[in-house]
C-alpha cells in the first residue's frame, strides 16, 4: 500500500517538474504546460480519494492524536 502512494507521489512530482520545464522552455506559450498541470491535479485528486478509500476499507490505519480521541 505504501508503495502505491509513493509511486503516485513520484508521478505527481515528475508531472510538476515537466510542467515547469515546458513553462520555462516555451515561455508559457506551450500547451504541454497545461497538459502536465492537468495531469498533476488529476493525480493529486486520485491519490486523495485512494487514501480515503484505503482508510475506509482498512487497508491503512489512521492515527488520531490522543487529545482528539474522545
PDB file of N, CA and C in Angstrom:
ATOM      1  N   UNK A   1       0.826  -1.185   0.000  1.00  0.00           N
ATOM      2  CA  UNK A   1       0.000   0.000   0.000  1.00  0.00           C
ATOM      3  C   UNK A   1       0.878   1.260   0.000  1.00  0.00           C
ATOM      4  N   UNK A   2       1.922   1.222   0.804  1.00  0.00           N
ATOM      5  CA  UNK A   2       2.810   2.382   0.864  1.00  0.00           C
ATOM      6  C   UNK A   2       3.478   2.639  -0.475  1.00  0.00           C
ATOM      7  N   UNK A   3       3.783   1.552  -1.180  1.00  0.00           N
ATOM      8  CA  UNK A   3       4.466   1.691  -2.459  1.00  0.00           C
ATOM      9  C   UNK A   3       3.588   2.384  -3.492  1.00  0.00           C
ATOM     10  N   UNK A   4       2.297   2.092  -3.476  1.00  0.00           N
ATOM     11  CA  UNK A   4       1.375   2.736  -4.410  1.00  0.00           C
ATOM     12  C   UNK A   4       1.331   4.239  -4.153  1.00  0.00           C
ATOM     13  N   UNK A   5       1.271   4.614  -2.886  1.00  0.00           N
ATOM     14  CA  UNK A   5       1.217   6.034  -2.525  1.00  0.00           C
ATOM     15  C   UNK A   5       2.516   6.740  -2.921  1.00  0.00           C
ATOM     16  N   UNK A   6       3.644   6.091  -2.665  1.00  0.00           N
ATOM     17  CA  UNK A   6       4.934   6.692  -3.014  1.00  0.00           C
ATOM     18  C   UNK A   6       5.068   6.830  -4.526  1.00  0.00           C
ATOM     19  N   UNK A   7       4.641   5.824  -5.272  1.00  0.00           N
ATOM     20  CA  UNK A   7       4.727   5.885  -6.741  1.00  0.00           C
ATOM     21  C   UNK A   7       3.850   7.013  -7.278  1.00  0.00           C
ATOM     22  N   UNK A   8       2.635   7.146  -6.743  1.00  0.00           N
ATOM     23  CA  UNK A   8       1.770   8.246  -7.179  1.00  0.00           C
ATOM     24  C   UNK A   8       2.376   9.602  -6.836  1.00  0.00           C
ATOM     25  N   UNK A   9       2.975   9.721  -5.662  1.00  0.00           N
ATOM     26  CA  UNK A   9       3.634  10.978  -5.300  1.00  0.00           C
ATOM     27  C   UNK A   9       4.793  11.284  -6.250  1.00  0.00           C
ATOM     28  N   UNK A  10       5.544  10.267  -6.637  1.00  0.00           N
ATOM     29  CA  UNK A  10       6.647  10.488  -7.585  1.00  0.00           C
ATOM     30  C   UNK A  10       6.127  10.926  -8.954  1.00  0.00           C
ATOM     31  N   UNK A  11       5.015  10.340  -9.413  1.00  0.00           N
ATOM     32  CA  UNK A  11       4.418  10.775 -10.668  1.00  0.00           C
ATOM     33  C   UNK A  11       3.935  12.218 -10.578  1.00  0.00           C
ATOM     34  N   UNK A  12       3.389  12.602  -9.430  1.00  0.00           N
ATOM     35  CA  UNK A  12       2.931  13.980  -9.239  1.00  0.00           C
ATOM     36  C   UNK A  12       4.106  14.943  -9.308  1.00  0.00           C
ATOM     37  N   UNK A  13       5.202  14.592  -8.655  1.00  0.00           N
ATOM     38  CA  UNK A  13       6.395  15.445  -8.675  1.00  0.00           C
ATOM     39  C   UNK A  13       6.985  15.517 -10.080  1.00  0.00           C
ATOM     40  N   UNK A  14       7.014  14.379 -10.786  1.00  0.00           N
ATOM     41  CA  UNK A  14       7.514  14.365 -12.161  1.00  0.00           C
ATOM     42  C   UNK A  14       6.666  15.253 -13.066  1.00  0.00           C
ATOM     43  N   UNK A  15       5.355  15.168 -12.911  1.00  0.00           N
ATOM     44  CA  UNK A  15       4.458  15.980 -13.723  1.00  0.00           C
ATOM     45  C   UNK A  15       4.649  17.469 -13.436  1.00  0.00           C
ATOM     46  N   UNK A  16       4.833  17.800 -12.174  1.00  0.00           N
ATOM     47  CA  UNK A  16       5.074  19.198 -11.811  1.00  0.00           C
ATOM     48  C   UNK A  16       6.394  19.695 -12.395  1.00  0.00           C
ATOM     49  N   UNK A  17       7.429  18.860 -12.352  1.00  0.00           N
ATOM     50  CA  UNK A  17       8.717  19.224 -12.945  1.00  0.00           C
ATOM     51  C   UNK A  17       8.634  19.376 -14.451  1.00  0.00           C
ATOM     52  N   UNK A  18       7.888  18.492 -15.093  1.00  0.00           N
ATOM     53  CA  UNK A  18       7.714  18.595 -16.548  1.00  0.00           C
ATOM     54  C   UNK A  18       6.976  19.867 -16.926  1.00  0.00           C
ATOM     55  N   UNK A  19       5.957  20.216 -16.155  1.00  0.00           N
ATOM     56  CA  UNK A  19       5.222  21.455 -16.422  1.00  0.00           C
ATOM     57  C   UNK A  19       6.139  22.665 -16.267  1.00  0.00           C
ATOM     58  N   UNK A  20       6.990  22.645 -15.246  1.00  0.00           N
ATOM     59  CA  UNK A  20       7.917  23.756 -15.044  1.00  0.00           C
ATOM     60  C   UNK A  20       8.913  23.845 -16.200  1.00  0.00           C
ATOM     61  N   UNK A  21       9.393  22.688 -16.666  1.00  0.00           N
ATOM     62  CA  UNK A  21      10.333  22.663 -17.788  1.00  0.00           C
ATOM     63  C   UNK A  21       9.710  23.285 -19.034  1.00  0.00           C
ATOM     64  N   UNK A  22       8.475  22.860 -19.365  1.00  0.00           N
ATOM     65  CA  UNK A  22       7.826  23.403 -20.558  1.00  0.00           C
ATOM     66  C   UNK A  22       7.418  24.858 -20.378  1.00  0.00           C
ATOM     67  N   UNK A  23       7.149  25.275 -19.141  1.00  0.00           N
ATOM     68  CA  UNK A  23       6.838  26.680 -18.893  1.00  0.00           C
ATOM     69  C   UNK A  23       8.056  27.552 -19.166  1.00  0.00           C
ATOM     70  N   UNK A  24       9.225  27.108 -18.702  1.00  0.00           N
ATOM     71  CA  UNK A  24      10.455  27.877 -18.906  1.00  0.00           C
ATOM     72  C   UNK A  24      10.900  27.797 -20.366  1.00  0.00           C
ATOM     73  N   UNK A  25      10.829  26.598 -20.952  1.00  0.00           N
ATOM     74  CA  UNK A  25      11.296  26.394 -22.321  1.00  0.00           C
ATOM     75  C   UNK A  25      10.413  27.135 -23.325  1.00  0.00           C
ATOM     76  N   UNK A  26       9.113  27.065 -23.164  1.00  0.00           N
ATOM     77  CA  UNK A  26       8.209  27.673 -24.128  1.00  0.00           C
ATOM     78  C   UNK A  26       7.737  29.047 -23.728  1.00  0.00           C
ATOM     79  N   UNK A  27       8.225  29.575 -22.632  1.00  0.00           N
ATOM     80  CA  UNK A  27       7.850  30.889 -22.103  1.00  0.00           C
ATOM     81  C   UNK A  27       6.338  31.024 -21.942  1.00  0.00           C
ATOM     82  N   UNK A  28       5.695  29.927 -21.506  1.00  0.00           N
ATOM     83  CA  UNK A  28       4.273  29.960 -21.207  1.00  0.00           C
ATOM     84  C   UNK A  28       3.352  29.814 -22.391  1.00  0.00           C
ATOM     85  N   UNK A  29       3.901  29.596 -23.572  1.00  0.00           N
ATOM     86  CA  UNK A  29       3.070  29.513 -24.776  1.00  0.00           C
ATOM     87  C   UNK A  29       2.779  28.070 -25.183  1.00  0.00           C
ATOM     88  N   UNK A  30       3.340  27.119 -24.473  1.00  0.00           N
ATOM     89  CA  UNK A  30       3.203  25.715 -24.846  1.00  0.00           C
ATOM     90  C   UNK A  30       1.966  25.094 -24.196  1.00  0.00           C
ATOM     91  N   UNK A  31       1.287  24.238 -24.952  1.00  0.00           N
ATOM     92  CA  UNK A  31       0.148  23.502 -24.410  1.00  0.00           C
ATOM     93  C   UNK A  31       0.615  22.397 -23.470  1.00  0.00           C
ATOM     94  N   UNK A  32       1.886  22.012 -23.547  1.00  0.00           N
ATOM     95  CA  UNK A  32       2.411  20.961 -22.678  1.00  0.00           C
ATOM     96  C   UNK A  32       2.351  21.369 -21.208  1.00  0.00           C
ATOM     97  N   UNK A  33       2.533  22.639 -20.925  1.00  0.00           N
ATOM     98  CA  UNK A  33       2.454  23.120 -19.547  1.00  0.00           C
ATOM     99  C   UNK A  33       1.064  22.855 -18.977  1.00  0.00           C
ATOM    100  N   UNK A  34       0.056  23.203 -19.720  1.00  0.00           N
ATOM    101  CA  UNK A  34      -1.326  22.992 -19.272  1.00  0.00           C
ATOM    102  C   UNK A  34      -1.610  21.508 -19.140  1.00  0.00           C
ATOM    103  N   UNK A  35      -1.135  20.724 -20.082  1.00  0.00           N
ATOM    104  CA  UNK A  35      -1.368  19.285 -20.062  1.00  0.00           C
ATOM    105  C   UNK A  35      -0.753  18.649 -18.808  1.00  0.00           C
ATOM    106  N   UNK A  36       0.496  18.972 -18.503  1.00  0.00           N
ATOM    107  CA  UNK A  36       1.154  18.376 -17.350  1.00  0.00           C
ATOM    108  C   UNK A  36       0.566  18.878 -16.028  1.00  0.00           C
ATOM    109  N   UNK A  37       0.139  20.125 -15.981  1.00  0.00           N
ATOM    110  CA  UNK A  37      -0.512  20.613 -14.761  1.00  0.00           C
ATOM    111  C   UNK A  37      -1.873  19.939 -14.565  1.00  0.00           C
ATOM    112  N   UNK A  38      -2.566  19.667 -15.651  1.00  0.00           N
ATOM    113  CA  UNK A  38      -3.833  18.935 -15.556  1.00  0.00           C
ATOM    114  C   UNK A  38      -3.598  17.510 -15.059  1.00  0.00           C
ATOM    115  N   UNK A  39      -2.557  16.882 -15.549  1.00  0.00           N
ATOM    116  CA  UNK A  39      -2.209  15.539 -15.079  1.00  0.00           C
ATOM    117  C   UNK A  39      -1.863  15.574 -13.589  1.00  0.00           C
ATOM    118  N   UNK A  40      -1.134  16.588 -13.159  1.00  0.00           N
ATOM    119  CA  UNK A  40      -0.760  16.686 -11.751  1.00  0.00           C
ATOM    120  C   UNK A  40      -1.981  16.844 -10.859  1.00  0.00           C
ATOM    121  N   UNK A  41      -2.898  17.699 -11.244  1.00  0.00           N
ATOM    122  CA  UNK A  41      -4.100  17.908 -10.442  1.00  0.00           C
ATOM    123  C   UNK A  41      -4.936  16.634 -10.400  1.00  0.00           C
ATOM    124  N   UNK A  42      -5.076  15.968 -11.547  1.00  0.00           N
ATOM    125  CA  UNK A  42      -5.840  14.723 -11.597  1.00  0.00           C
ATOM    126  C   UNK A  42      -5.213  13.654 -10.715  1.00  0.00           C
ATOM    127  N   UNK A  43      -3.901  13.498 -10.785  1.00  0.00           N
ATOM    128  CA  UNK A  43      -3.221  12.515  -9.941  1.00  0.00           C
ATOM    129  C   UNK A  43      -3.359  12.859  -8.462  1.00  0.00           C
ATOM    130  N   UNK A  44      -3.299  14.134  -8.129  1.00  0.00           N
ATOM    131  CA  UNK A  44      -3.448  14.541  -6.727  1.00  0.00           C
ATOM    132  C   UNK A  44      -4.835  14.209  -6.201  1.00  0.00           C
ATOM    133  N   UNK A  45      -5.860  14.458  -7.003  1.00  0.00           N
ATOM    134  CA  UNK A  45      -7.229  14.137  -6.583  1.00  0.00           C
ATOM    135  C   UNK A  45      -7.395  12.625  -6.450  1.00  0.00           C
ATOM    136  N   UNK A  46      -6.862  11.867  -7.408  1.00  0.00           N
ATOM    137  CA  UNK A  46      -6.946  10.407  -7.332  1.00  0.00           C
ATOM    138  C   UNK A  46      -6.216   9.864  -6.108  1.00  0.00           C
ATOM    139  N   UNK A  47      -5.061  10.435  -5.788  1.00  0.00           N
ATOM    140  CA  UNK A  47      -4.331  10.000  -4.603  1.00  0.00           C
ATOM    141  C   UNK A  47      -5.128  10.282  -3.339  1.00  0.00           C
ATOM    142  N   UNK A  48      -5.720  11.451  -3.263  1.00  0.00           N
ATOM    143  CA  UNK A  48      -6.537  11.817  -2.109  1.00  0.00           C
ATOM    144  C   UNK A  48      -7.713  10.855  -1.951  1.00  0.00           C
ATOM    145  N   UNK A  49      -8.413  10.564  -3.046  1.00  0.00           N
ATOM    146  CA  UNK A  49      -9.541   9.630  -2.995  1.00  0.00           C
ATOM    147  C   UNK A  49      -9.087   8.218  -2.661  1.00  0.00           C
ATOM    148  N   UNK A  50      -7.925   7.817  -3.170  1.00  0.00           N
ATOM    149  CA  UNK A  50      -7.394   6.489  -2.861  1.00  0.00           C
ATOM    150  C   UNK A  50      -7.059   6.353  -1.379  1.00  0.00           C
ATOM    151  N   UNK A  51      -6.495   7.393  -0.790  1.00  0.00           N
ATOM    152  CA  UNK A  51      -6.165   7.350   0.636  1.00  0.00           C
ATOM    153  C   UNK A  51      -7.440   7.266   1.476  1.00  0.00           C
ATOM    154  N   UNK A  52      -8.465   8.007   1.089  1.00  0.00           N
ATOM    155  CA  UNK A  52      -9.741   7.925   1.807  1.00  0.00           C
ATOM    156  C   UNK A  52     -10.336   6.524   1.676  1.00  0.00           C
ATOM    157  N   UNK A  53     -10.328   5.963   0.468  1.00  0.00           N
ATOM    158  CA  UNK A  53     -10.856   4.622   0.247  1.00  0.00           C
ATOM    159  C   UNK A  53     -10.064   3.584   1.042  1.00  0.00           C
ATOM    160  N   UNK A  54      -8.749   3.694   1.026  1.00  0.00           N
ATOM    161  CA  UNK A  54      -7.904   2.739   1.745  1.00  0.00           C
ATOM    162  C   UNK A  54      -8.151   2.812   3.248  1.00  0.00           C
ATOM    163  N   UNK A  55      -8.386   3.991   3.768  1.00  0.00           N
ATOM    164  CA  UNK A  55      -8.675   4.130   5.196  1.00  0.00           C
ATOM    165  C   UNK A  55     -10.033   3.523   5.527  1.00  0.00           C
ATOM    166  N   UNK A  56     -11.028   3.737   4.671  1.00  0.00           N
ATOM    167  CA  UNK A  56     -12.371   3.180   4.907  1.00  0.00           C
ATOM    168  C   UNK A  56     -12.379   1.656   4.811  1.00  0.00           C
ATOM    169  N   UNK A  57     -11.580   1.105   3.893  1.00  0.00           N
ATOM    170  CA  UNK A  57     -11.542  -0.341   3.701  1.00  0.00           C
ATOM    171  C   UNK A  57     -10.645  -1.036   4.722  1.00  0.00           C
ATOM    172  N   UNK A  58      -9.873  -0.268   5.481  1.00  0.00           N
ATOM    173  CA  UNK A  58      -8.995  -0.857   6.478  1.00  0.00           C
ATOM    174  C   UNK A  58      -7.642  -1.285   5.944  1.00  0.00           C
ATOM    175  N   UNK A  59      -7.325  -0.862   4.722  1.00  0.00           N
ATOM    176  CA  UNK A  59      -6.037  -1.209   4.143  1.00  0.00           C
ATOM    177  C   UNK A  59      -4.903  -0.448   4.810  1.00  0.00           C
ATOM    178  N   UNK A  60      -5.187   0.764   5.277  1.00  0.00           N
ATOM    179  CA  UNK A  60      -4.209   1.550   6.027  1.00  0.00           C
ATOM    180  C   UNK A  60      -4.880   1.995   7.321  1.00  0.00           C
ATOM    181  N   UNK A  61      -4.075   2.225   8.334  1.00  0.00           N
ATOM    182  CA  UNK A  61      -4.594   2.680   9.612  1.00  0.00           C
ATOM    183  C   UNK A  61      -4.361   4.174   9.751  1.00  0.00           C
ATOM    184  N   UNK A  62      -5.380   4.849  10.254  1.00  0.00           N
ATOM    185  CA  UNK A  62      -5.215   6.266  10.552  1.00  0.00           C
ATOM    186  C   UNK A  62      -4.871   6.406  12.021  1.00  0.00           C
ATOM    187  N   UNK A  63      -4.091   7.394  12.344  1.00  0.00           N
ATOM    188  CA  UNK A  63      -3.670   7.625  13.719  1.00  0.00           C
ATOM    189  C   UNK A  63      -4.229   8.967  14.178  1.00  0.00           C
ATOM    190  N   UNK A  64      -5.102   8.905  15.146  1.00  0.00           N
ATOM    191  CA  UNK A  64      -5.719  10.111  15.689  1.00  0.00           C
ATOM    192  C   UNK A  64      -4.921  10.520  16.928  1.00  0.00           C
ATOM    193  N   UNK A  65      -4.536  11.798  17.024  1.00  0.00           N
ATOM    194  CA  UNK A  65      -3.819  12.239  18.221  1.00  0.00           C
ATOM    195  C   UNK A  65      -4.651  12.005  19.469  1.00  0.00           C
ATOM    196  N   UNK A  66      -3.992  11.757  20.580  1.00  0.00           N
ATOM    197  CA  UNK A  66      -4.648  11.408  21.839  1.00  0.00           C
ATOM    198  C   UNK A  66      -5.618  12.489  22.297  1.00  0.00           C
ATOM    199  N   UNK A  67      -5.289  13.761  22.105  1.00  0.00           N
ATOM    200  CA  UNK A  67      -6.160  14.817  22.591  1.00  0.00           C
ATOM    201  C   UNK A  67      -7.430  14.948  21.747  1.00  0.00           C
ATOM    202  N   UNK A  68      -7.474  14.340  20.560  1.00  0.00           N
ATOM    203  CA  UNK A  68      -8.689  14.360  19.749  1.00  0.00           C
ATOM    204  C   UNK A  68      -9.554  13.118  19.955  1.00  0.00           C
ATOM    205  N   UNK A  69      -8.997  12.107  20.613  1.00  0.00           N
ATOM    206  CA  UNK A  69      -9.714  10.875  20.826  1.00  0.00           C
ATOM    207  C   UNK A  69     -10.633  11.009  22.049  1.00  0.00           C
ATOM    208  N   UNK A  70     -11.956  10.895  21.858  1.00  0.00           N
ATOM    209  CA  UNK A  70     -12.871  11.101  22.989  1.00  0.00           C
ATOM    210  C   UNK A  70     -12.826   9.959  23.980  1.00  0.00           C
TER     211      UNK A  70
END
